[in-house]
Amino acid sequence: MATLDEANSARQRHADGLAKIGAHAVGVEKGEPYGRSGWVVVAYTQPGAAVKLPESLTINHQGNDVDVPLVVQKAEPFEPQ
């Protein structure tokens, strides 16, 4: 279970790396809709894209290593009009 601060820290630290391997957006959400307690990082990838992402993101938070769950969702990228 990750706290909101831990999930935000994981998102900030790993967003560029996730983008390099196929995530077009990365956010933080409550874990309950995904069957998880606490908070999770959500990486959005294009439908049909073969992207392999880890199941969790490891960070050091206040001197402790924490594994923050990573959830992958398929969605079209936002296109400004």
PDB file of N, CA and C in Angstrom:
ATOM      1  N   MET A   1       0.843  -1.167   0.000  1.00  0.00           N
ATOM      2  CA  MET A   1       0.000   0.000   0.000  1.00  0.00           C
ATOM      3  C   MET A   1       0.894   1.238   0.000  1.00  0.00           C
ATOM      4  N   ALA A   2       0.668   2.121  -0.922  1.00  0.00           N
ATOM      5  CA  ALA A   2       1.446   3.352  -1.022  1.00  0.00           C
ATOM      6  C   ALA A   2       0.602   4.547  -0.595  1.00  0.00           C
ATOM      7  N   THR A   3       1.255   5.511   0.018  1.00  0.00           N
ATOM      8  CA  THR A   3       0.583   6.754   0.387  1.00  0.00           C
ATOM      9  C   THR A   3       0.536   7.664  -0.836  1.00  0.00           C
ATOM     10  N   LEU A   4      -0.233   8.733  -0.727  1.00  0.00           N
ATOM     11  CA  LEU A   4      -0.319   9.709  -1.810  1.00  0.00           C
ATOM     12  C   LEU A   4       1.051  10.331  -2.075  1.00  0.00           C
ATOM     13  N   ASP A   5       1.785  10.688  -1.023  1.00  0.00           N
ATOM     14  CA  ASP A   5       3.119  11.272  -1.203  1.00  0.00           C
ATOM     15  C   ASP A   5       4.061  10.306  -1.905  1.00  0.00           C
ATOM     16  N   GLU A   6       4.018   9.038  -1.536  1.00  0.00           N
ATOM     17  CA  GLU A   6       4.881   8.028  -2.165  1.00  0.00           C
ATOM     18  C   GLU A   6       4.531   7.856  -3.637  1.00  0.00           C
ATOM     19  N   ALA A   7       3.236   7.793  -3.947  1.00  0.00           N
ATOM     20  CA  ALA A   7       2.812   7.622  -5.338  1.00  0.00           C
ATOM     21  C   ALA A   7       3.200   8.835  -6.183  1.00  0.00           C
ATOM     22  N   ASN A   8       3.021  10.037  -5.653  1.00  0.00           N
ATOM     23  CA  ASN A   8       3.427  11.231  -6.387  1.00  0.00           C
ATOM     24  C   ASN A   8       4.929  11.267  -6.606  1.00  0.00           C
ATOM     25  N   SER A   9       5.686  10.868  -5.610  1.00  0.00           N
ATOM     26  CA  SER A   9       7.141  10.822  -5.741  1.00  0.00           C
ATOM     27  C   SER A   9       7.551   9.811  -6.809  1.00  0.00           C
ATOM     28  N   ALA A  10       6.919   8.649  -6.819  1.00  0.00           N
ATOM     29  CA  ALA A  10       7.220   7.630  -7.832  1.00  0.00           C
ATOM     30  C   ALA A  10       6.874   8.133  -9.233  1.00  0.00           C
ATOM     31  N   ARG A  11       5.748   8.810  -9.366  1.00  0.00           N
ATOM     32  CA  ARG A  11       5.362   9.362 -10.665  1.00  0.00           C
ATOM     33  C   ARG A  11       6.399  10.366 -11.145  1.00  0.00           C
ATOM     34  N   GLN A  12       6.796  11.269 -10.262  1.00  0.00           N
ATOM     35  CA  GLN A  12       7.778  12.292 -10.631  1.00  0.00           C
ATOM     36  C   GLN A  12       9.116  11.671 -11.022  1.00  0.00           C
ATOM     37  N   ARG A  13       9.554  10.688 -10.284  1.00  0.00           N
ATOM     38  CA  ARG A  13      10.871  10.090 -10.520  1.00  0.00           C
ATOM     39  C   ARG A  13      10.911   9.182 -11.738  1.00  0.00           C
ATOM     40  N   HIS A  14       9.769   8.572 -12.091  1.00  0.00           N
ATOM     41  CA  HIS A  14       9.765   7.560 -13.156  1.00  0.00           C
ATOM     42  C   HIS A  14       9.033   7.980 -14.425  1.00  0.00           C
ATOM     43  N   ALA A  15       8.403   9.149 -14.462  1.00  0.00           N
ATOM     44  CA  ALA A  15       7.580   9.547 -15.612  1.00  0.00           C
ATOM     45  C   ALA A  15       8.368   9.573 -16.917  1.00  0.00           C
ATOM     46  N   ASP A  16       9.571  10.129 -16.909  1.00  0.00           N
ATOM     47  CA  ASP A  16      10.361  10.193 -18.143  1.00  0.00           C
ATOM     48  C   ASP A  16      10.721   8.801 -18.649  1.00  0.00           C
ATOM     49  N   GLY A  17      11.094   7.907 -17.755  1.00  0.00           N
ATOM     50  CA  GLY A  17      11.422   6.542 -18.153  1.00  0.00           C
ATOM     51  C   GLY A  17      10.221   5.792 -18.695  1.00  0.00           C
ATOM     52  N   LEU A  18       9.051   5.997 -18.089  1.00  0.00           N
ATOM     53  CA  LEU A  18       7.829   5.359 -18.578  1.00  0.00           C
ATOM     54  C   LEU A  18       7.456   5.894 -19.956  1.00  0.00           C
ATOM     55  N   ALA A  19       7.668   7.186 -20.173  1.00  0.00           N
ATOM     56  CA  ALA A  19       7.382   7.784 -21.484  1.00  0.00           C
ATOM     57  C   ALA A  19       8.291   7.180 -22.559  1.00  0.00           C
ATOM     58  N   LYS A  20       9.528   6.918 -22.215  1.00  0.00           N
ATOM     59  CA  LYS A  20      10.477   6.355 -23.181  1.00  0.00           C
ATOM     60  C   LYS A  20      10.097   4.945 -23.608  1.00  0.00           C
ATOM     61  N   ILE A  21       9.348   4.239 -22.763  1.00  0.00           N
ATOM     62  CA  ILE A  21       8.964   2.867 -23.126  1.00  0.00           C
ATOM     63  C   ILE A  21       7.490   2.738 -23.494  1.00  0.00           C
ATOM     64  N   GLY A  22       6.812   3.897 -23.745  1.00  0.00           N
ATOM     65  CA  GLY A  22       5.494   3.810 -24.340  1.00  0.00           C
ATOM     66  C   GLY A  22       4.327   4.447 -23.634  1.00  0.00           C
ATOM     67  N   ALA A  23       4.503   5.006 -22.454  1.00  0.00           N
ATOM     68  CA  ALA A  23       3.378   5.660 -21.769  1.00  0.00           C
ATOM     69  C   ALA A  23       3.235   7.084 -22.298  1.00  0.00           C
ATOM     70  N   HIS A  24       2.029   7.463 -22.710  1.00  0.00           N
ATOM     71  CA  HIS A  24       1.824   8.826 -23.192  1.00  0.00           C
ATOM     72  C   HIS A  24       1.293   9.748 -22.101  1.00  0.00           C
ATOM     73  N   ALA A  25       0.881   9.194 -20.971  1.00  0.00           N
ATOM     74  CA  ALA A  25       0.456   9.981 -19.815  1.00  0.00           C
ATOM     75  C   ALA A  25       0.673   9.146 -18.559  1.00  0.00           C
ATOM     76  N   VAL A  26       1.015   9.814 -17.462  1.00  0.00           N
ATOM     77  CA  VAL A  26       1.250   9.122 -16.193  1.00  0.00           C
ATOM     78  C   VAL A  26       0.592   9.943 -15.091  1.00  0.00           C
ATOM     79  N   GLY A  27      -0.212   9.287 -14.266  1.00  0.00           N
ATOM     80  CA  GLY A  27      -0.902   9.980 -13.192  1.00  0.00           C
ATOM     81  C   GLY A  27      -0.916   9.171 -11.918  1.00  0.00           C
ATOM     82  N   VAL A  28      -1.547   9.711 -10.895  1.00  0.00           N
ATOM     83  CA  VAL A  28      -1.702   9.053  -9.595  1.00  0.00           C
ATOM     84  C   VAL A  28      -3.196   9.001  -9.289  1.00  0.00           C
ATOM     85  N   GLU A  29      -3.656   7.824  -8.873  1.00  0.00           N
ATOM     86  CA  GLU A  29      -5.069   7.636  -8.547  1.00  0.00           C
ATOM     87  C   GLU A  29      -5.205   6.737  -7.329  1.00  0.00           C
ATOM     88  N   LYS A  30      -6.386   6.779  -6.715  1.00  0.00           N
ATOM     89  CA  LYS A  30      -6.680   5.836  -5.635  1.00  0.00           C
ATOM     90  C   LYS A  30      -6.672   4.425  -6.205  1.00  0.00           C
ATOM     91  N   GLY A  31      -6.186   3.478  -5.428  1.00  0.00           N
ATOM     92  CA  GLY A  31      -6.040   2.116  -5.913  1.00  0.00           C
ATOM     93  C   GLY A  31      -7.292   1.267  -5.901  1.00  0.00           C
ATOM     94  N   GLU A  32      -8.330   1.667  -5.170  1.00  0.00           N
ATOM     95  CA  GLU A  32      -9.522   0.835  -5.022  1.00  0.00           C
ATOM     96  C   GLU A  32     -10.163   0.417  -6.347  1.00  0.00           C
ATOM     97  N   PRO A  33     -10.314   1.329  -7.334  1.00  0.00           N
ATOM     98  CA  PRO A  33     -10.931   0.892  -8.594  1.00  0.00           C
ATOM     99  C   PRO A  33     -10.119  -0.183  -9.325  1.00  0.00           C
ATOM    100  N   TYR A  34      -8.848  -0.316  -8.951  1.00  0.00           N
ATOM    101  CA  TYR A  34      -7.967  -1.292  -9.591  1.00  0.00           C
ATOM    102  C   TYR A  34      -7.712  -2.510  -8.706  1.00  0.00           C
ATOM    103  N   GLY A  35      -8.486  -2.616  -7.623  1.00  0.00           N
ATOM    104  CA  GLY A  35      -8.344  -3.749  -6.726  1.00  0.00           C
ATOM    105  C   GLY A  35      -7.128  -3.655  -5.824  1.00  0.00           C
ATOM    106  N   ARG A  36      -6.654  -2.439  -5.581  1.00  0.00           N
ATOM    107  CA  ARG A  36      -5.477  -2.221  -4.735  1.00  0.00           C
ATOM    108  C   ARG A  36      -5.839  -1.253  -3.621  1.00  0.00           C
ATOM    109  N   SER A  37      -5.172  -1.386  -2.494  1.00  0.00           N
ATOM    110  CA  SER A  37      -5.385  -0.414  -1.424  1.00  0.00           C
ATOM    111  C   SER A  37      -4.359   0.702  -1.559  1.00  0.00           C
ATOM    112  N   GLY A  38      -4.650   1.836  -0.958  1.00  0.00           N
ATOM    113  CA  GLY A  38      -3.733   2.967  -1.035  1.00  0.00           C
ATOM    114  C   GLY A  38      -3.801   3.656  -2.383  1.00  0.00           C
ATOM    115  N   TRP A  39      -2.650   4.169  -2.831  1.00  0.00           N
ATOM    116  CA  TRP A  39      -2.549   4.919  -4.076  1.00  0.00           C
ATOM    117  C   TRP A  39      -1.683   4.178  -5.073  1.00  0.00           C
ATOM    118  N   VAL A  40      -1.927   4.389  -6.362  1.00  0.00           N
ATOM    119  CA  VAL A  40      -1.165   3.735  -7.433  1.00  0.00           C
ATOM    120  C   VAL A  40      -0.753   4.776  -8.470  1.00  0.00           C
ATOM    121  N   VAL A  41       0.283   4.458  -9.225  1.00  0.00           N
ATOM    122  CA  VAL A  41       0.658   5.243 -10.395  1.00  0.00           C
ATOM    123  C   VAL A  41      -0.025   4.573 -11.584  1.00  0.00           C
ATOM    124  N   VAL A  42      -0.647   5.371 -12.444  1.00  0.00           N
ATOM    125  CA  VAL A  42      -1.339   4.844 -13.618  1.00  0.00           C
ATOM    126  C   VAL A  42      -0.614   5.342 -14.868  1.00  0.00           C
ATOM    127  N   ALA A  43      -0.195   4.397 -15.713  1.00  0.00           N
ATOM    128  CA  ALA A  43       0.454   4.736 -16.980  1.00  0.00           C
ATOM    129  C   ALA A  43      -0.523   4.436 -18.105  1.00  0.00           C
ATOM    130  N   TYR A  44      -0.767   5.412 -18.957  1.00  0.00           N
ATOM    131  CA  TYR A  44      -1.686   5.256 -20.076  1.00  0.00           C
ATOM    132  C   TYR A  44      -0.893   4.995 -21.345  1.00  0.00           C
ATOM    133  N   THR A  45      -1.276   3.925 -22.057  1.00  0.00           N
ATOM    134  CA  THR A  45      -0.635   3.574 -23.318  1.00  0.00           C
ATOM    135  C   THR A  45      -1.695   3.488 -24.405  1.00  0.00           C
ATOM    136  N   GLN A  46      -1.263   3.568 -25.657  1.00  0.00           N
ATOM    137  CA  GLN A  46      -2.210   3.489 -26.767  1.00  0.00           C
ATOM    138  C   GLN A  46      -2.789   2.087 -26.871  1.00  0.00           C
ATOM    139  N   PRO A  47      -4.082   1.982 -27.208  1.00  0.00           N
ATOM    140  CA  PRO A  47      -4.683   0.662 -27.428  1.00  0.00           C
ATOM    141  C   PRO A  47      -3.935  -0.068 -28.543  1.00  0.00           C
ATOM    142  N   GLY A  48      -3.683  -1.319 -28.333  1.00  0.00           N
ATOM    143  CA  GLY A  48      -3.003  -2.129 -29.339  1.00  0.00           C
ATOM    144  C   GLY A  48      -1.492  -2.043 -29.296  1.00  0.00           C
ATOM    145  N   ALA A  49      -0.946  -1.144 -28.493  1.00  0.00           N
ATOM    146  CA  ALA A  49       0.510  -1.016 -28.393  1.00  0.00           C
ATOM    147  C   ALA A  49       1.058  -2.140 -27.515  1.00  0.00           C
ATOM    148  N   ALA A  50       2.125  -2.752 -27.991  1.00  0.00           N
ATOM    149  CA  ALA A  50       2.782  -3.809 -27.225  1.00  0.00           C
ATOM    150  C   ALA A  50       3.835  -3.166 -26.328  1.00  0.00           C
ATOM    151  N   VAL A  51       3.405  -2.736 -25.157  1.00  0.00           N
ATOM    152  CA  VAL A  51       4.281  -2.044 -24.218  1.00  0.00           C
ATOM    153  C   VAL A  51       4.423  -2.907 -22.974  1.00  0.00           C
ATOM    154  N   LYS A  52       5.658  -3.156 -22.569  1.00  0.00           N
ATOM    155  CA  LYS A  52       5.894  -3.932 -21.358  1.00  0.00           C
ATOM    156  C   LYS A  52       6.369  -2.985 -20.263  1.00  0.00           C
ATOM    157  N   LEU A  53       5.538  -2.808 -19.249  1.00  0.00           N
ATOM    158  CA  LEU A  53       5.854  -1.935 -18.131  1.00  0.00           C
ATOM    159  C   LEU A  53       5.952  -2.765 -16.854  1.00  0.00           C
ATOM    160  N   PRO A  54       6.723  -2.300 -15.876  1.00  0.00           N
ATOM    161  CA  PRO A  54       6.845  -3.050 -14.620  1.00  0.00           C
ATOM    162  C   PRO A  54       5.540  -3.040 -13.824  1.00  0.00           C
ATOM    163  N   GLU A  55       5.431  -3.947 -12.856  1.00  0.00           N
ATOM    164  CA  GLU A  55       4.239  -4.007 -12.008  1.00  0.00           C
ATOM    165  C   GLU A  55       4.288  -2.992 -10.871  1.00  0.00           C
ATOM    166  N   SER A  56       5.492  -2.507 -10.567  1.00  0.00           N
ATOM    167  CA  SER A  56       5.638  -1.505  -9.512  1.00  0.00           C
ATOM    168  C   SER A  56       6.843  -0.625  -9.799  1.00  0.00           C
ATOM    169  N   LEU A  57       6.876   0.524  -9.128  1.00  0.00           N
ATOM    170  CA  LEU A  57       7.977   1.470  -9.242  1.00  0.00           C
ATOM    171  C   LEU A  57       8.612   1.593  -7.860  1.00  0.00           C
ATOM    172  N   THR A  58       9.912   1.393  -7.771  1.00  0.00           N
ATOM    173  CA  THR A  58      10.603   1.457  -6.496  1.00  0.00           C
ATOM    174  C   THR A  58      11.190   2.848  -6.293  1.00  0.00           C
ATOM    175  N   ILE A  59      10.952   3.396  -5.118  1.00  0.00           N
ATOM    176  CA  ILE A  59      11.516   4.693  -4.748  1.00  0.00           C
ATOM    177  C   ILE A  59      12.085   4.580  -3.343  1.00  0.00           C
ATOM    178  N   ASN A  60      12.930   5.534  -2.986  1.00  0.00           N
ATOM    179  CA  ASN A  60      13.386   5.663  -1.611  1.00  0.00           C
ATOM    180  C   ASN A  60      12.643   6.848  -1.028  1.00  0.00           C
ATOM    181  N   HIS A  61      11.806   6.583  -0.040  1.00  0.00           N
ATOM    182  CA  HIS A  61      10.978   7.637   0.574  1.00  0.00           C
ATOM    183  C   HIS A  61      11.278   7.672   2.064  1.00  0.00           C
ATOM    184  N   GLN A  62      11.808   8.771   2.517  1.00  0.00           N
ATOM    185  CA  GLN A  62      12.156   8.974   3.920  1.00  0.00           C
ATOM    186  C   GLN A  62      13.060   7.862   4.445  1.00  0.00           C
ATOM    187  N   GLY A  63      14.022   7.461   3.608  1.00  0.00           N
ATOM    188  CA  GLY A  63      15.003   6.458   4.012  1.00  0.00           C
ATOM    189  C   GLY A  63      14.584   5.012   3.843  1.00  0.00           C
ATOM    190  N   ASN A  64      13.388   4.771   3.340  1.00  0.00           N
ATOM    191  CA  ASN A  64      12.899   3.404   3.149  1.00  0.00           C
ATOM    192  C   ASN A  64      12.598   3.147   1.682  1.00  0.00           C
ATOM    193  N   ASP A  65      12.935   1.955   1.201  1.00  0.00           N
ATOM    194  CA  ASP A  65      12.551   1.579  -0.155  1.00  0.00           C
ATOM    195  C   ASP A  65      11.075   1.204  -0.163  1.00  0.00           C
ATOM    196  N   VAL A  66      10.339   1.777  -1.106  1.00  0.00           N
ATOM    197  CA  VAL A  66       8.901   1.554  -1.214  1.00  0.00           C
ATOM    198  C   VAL A  66       8.579   1.142  -2.647  1.00  0.00           C
ATOM    199  N   ASP A  67       7.804   0.075  -2.807  1.00  0.00           N
ATOM    200  CA  ASP A  67       7.314  -0.335  -4.121  1.00  0.00           C
ATOM    201  C   ASP A  67       5.906   0.210  -4.290  1.00  0.00           C
ATOM    202  N   VAL A  68       5.753   1.122  -5.245  1.00  0.00           N
ATOM    203  CA  VAL A  68       4.448   1.727  -5.539  1.00  0.00           C
ATOM    204  C   VAL A  68       3.848   0.973  -6.718  1.00  0.00           C
ATOM    205  N   PRO A  69       2.633   0.430  -6.580  1.00  0.00           N
ATOM    206  CA  PRO A  69       2.009  -0.308  -7.682  1.00  0.00           C
ATOM    207  C   PRO A  69       1.844   0.562  -8.929  1.00  0.00           C
ATOM    208  N   LEU A  70       2.080  -0.053 -10.090  1.00  0.00           N
ATOM    209  CA  LEU A  70       1.888   0.614 -11.377  1.00  0.00           C
ATOM    210  C   LEU A  70       0.763  -0.103 -12.113  1.00  0.00           C
ATOM    211  N   VAL A  71      -0.239   0.644 -12.520  1.00  0.00           N
ATOM    212  CA  VAL A  71      -1.381   0.119 -13.261  1.00  0.00           C
ATOM    213  C   VAL A  71      -1.297   0.652 -14.683  1.00  0.00           C
ATOM    214  N   VAL A  72      -1.518  -0.214 -15.668  1.00  0.00           N
ATOM    215  CA  VAL A  72      -1.475   0.193 -17.074  1.00  0.00           C
ATOM    216  C   VAL A  72      -2.898   0.259 -17.608  1.00  0.00           C
ATOM    217  N   GLN A  73      -3.246   1.386 -18.207  1.00  0.00           N
ATOM    218  CA  GLN A  73      -4.554   1.566 -18.828  1.00  0.00           C
ATOM    219  C   GLN A  73      -4.352   1.912 -20.299  1.00  0.00           C
ATOM    220  N   LYS A  74      -5.227   1.394 -21.139  1.00  0.00           N
ATOM    221  CA  LYS A  74      -5.174   1.694 -22.573  1.00  0.00           C
ATOM    222  C   LYS A  74      -6.099   2.870 -22.870  1.00  0.00           C
ATOM    223  N   ALA A  75      -5.561   3.886 -23.538  1.00  0.00           N
ATOM    224  CA  ALA A  75      -6.360   5.067 -23.908  1.00  0.00           C
ATOM    225  C   ALA A  75      -5.660   5.793 -25.029  1.00  0.00           C
ATOM    226  N   GLU A  76      -6.461   6.415 -25.880  1.00  0.00           N
ATOM    227  CA  GLU A  76      -5.898   7.235 -26.951  1.00  0.00           C
ATOM    228  C   GLU A  76      -5.249   8.477 -26.349  1.00  0.00           C
ATOM    229  N   PRO A  77      -4.143   8.936 -26.911  1.00  0.00           N
ATOM    230  CA  PRO A  77      -3.537  10.179 -26.420  1.00  0.00           C
ATOM    231  C   PRO A  77      -4.440  11.371 -26.674  1.00  0.00           C
ATOM    232  N   PHE A  78      -4.368  12.342 -25.812  1.00  0.00           N
ATOM    233  CA  PHE A  78      -5.126  13.568 -25.961  1.00  0.00           C
ATOM    234  C   PHE A  78      -4.564  14.358 -27.146  1.00  0.00           C
ATOM    235  N   GLU A  79      -5.450  14.858 -27.978  1.00  0.00           N
ATOM    236  CA  GLU A  79      -5.032  15.691 -29.089  1.00  0.00           C
ATOM    237  C   GLU A  79      -5.710  17.048 -28.967  1.00  0.00           C
ATOM    238  N   PRO A  80      -4.912  18.099 -28.758  1.00  0.00           N
ATOM    239  CA  PRO A  80      -5.522  19.434 -28.649  1.00  0.00           C
ATOM    240  C   PRO A  80      -6.197  19.828 -29.954  1.00  0.00           C
ATOM    241  N   GLN A  81      -7.256  20.583 -29.857  1.00  0.00           N
ATOM    242  CA  GLN A  81      -7.996  20.982 -31.058  1.00  0.00           C
ATOM    243  C   GLN A  81      -7.658  22.381 -31.470  1.00  0.00           C
TER     244      GLN A  81
END
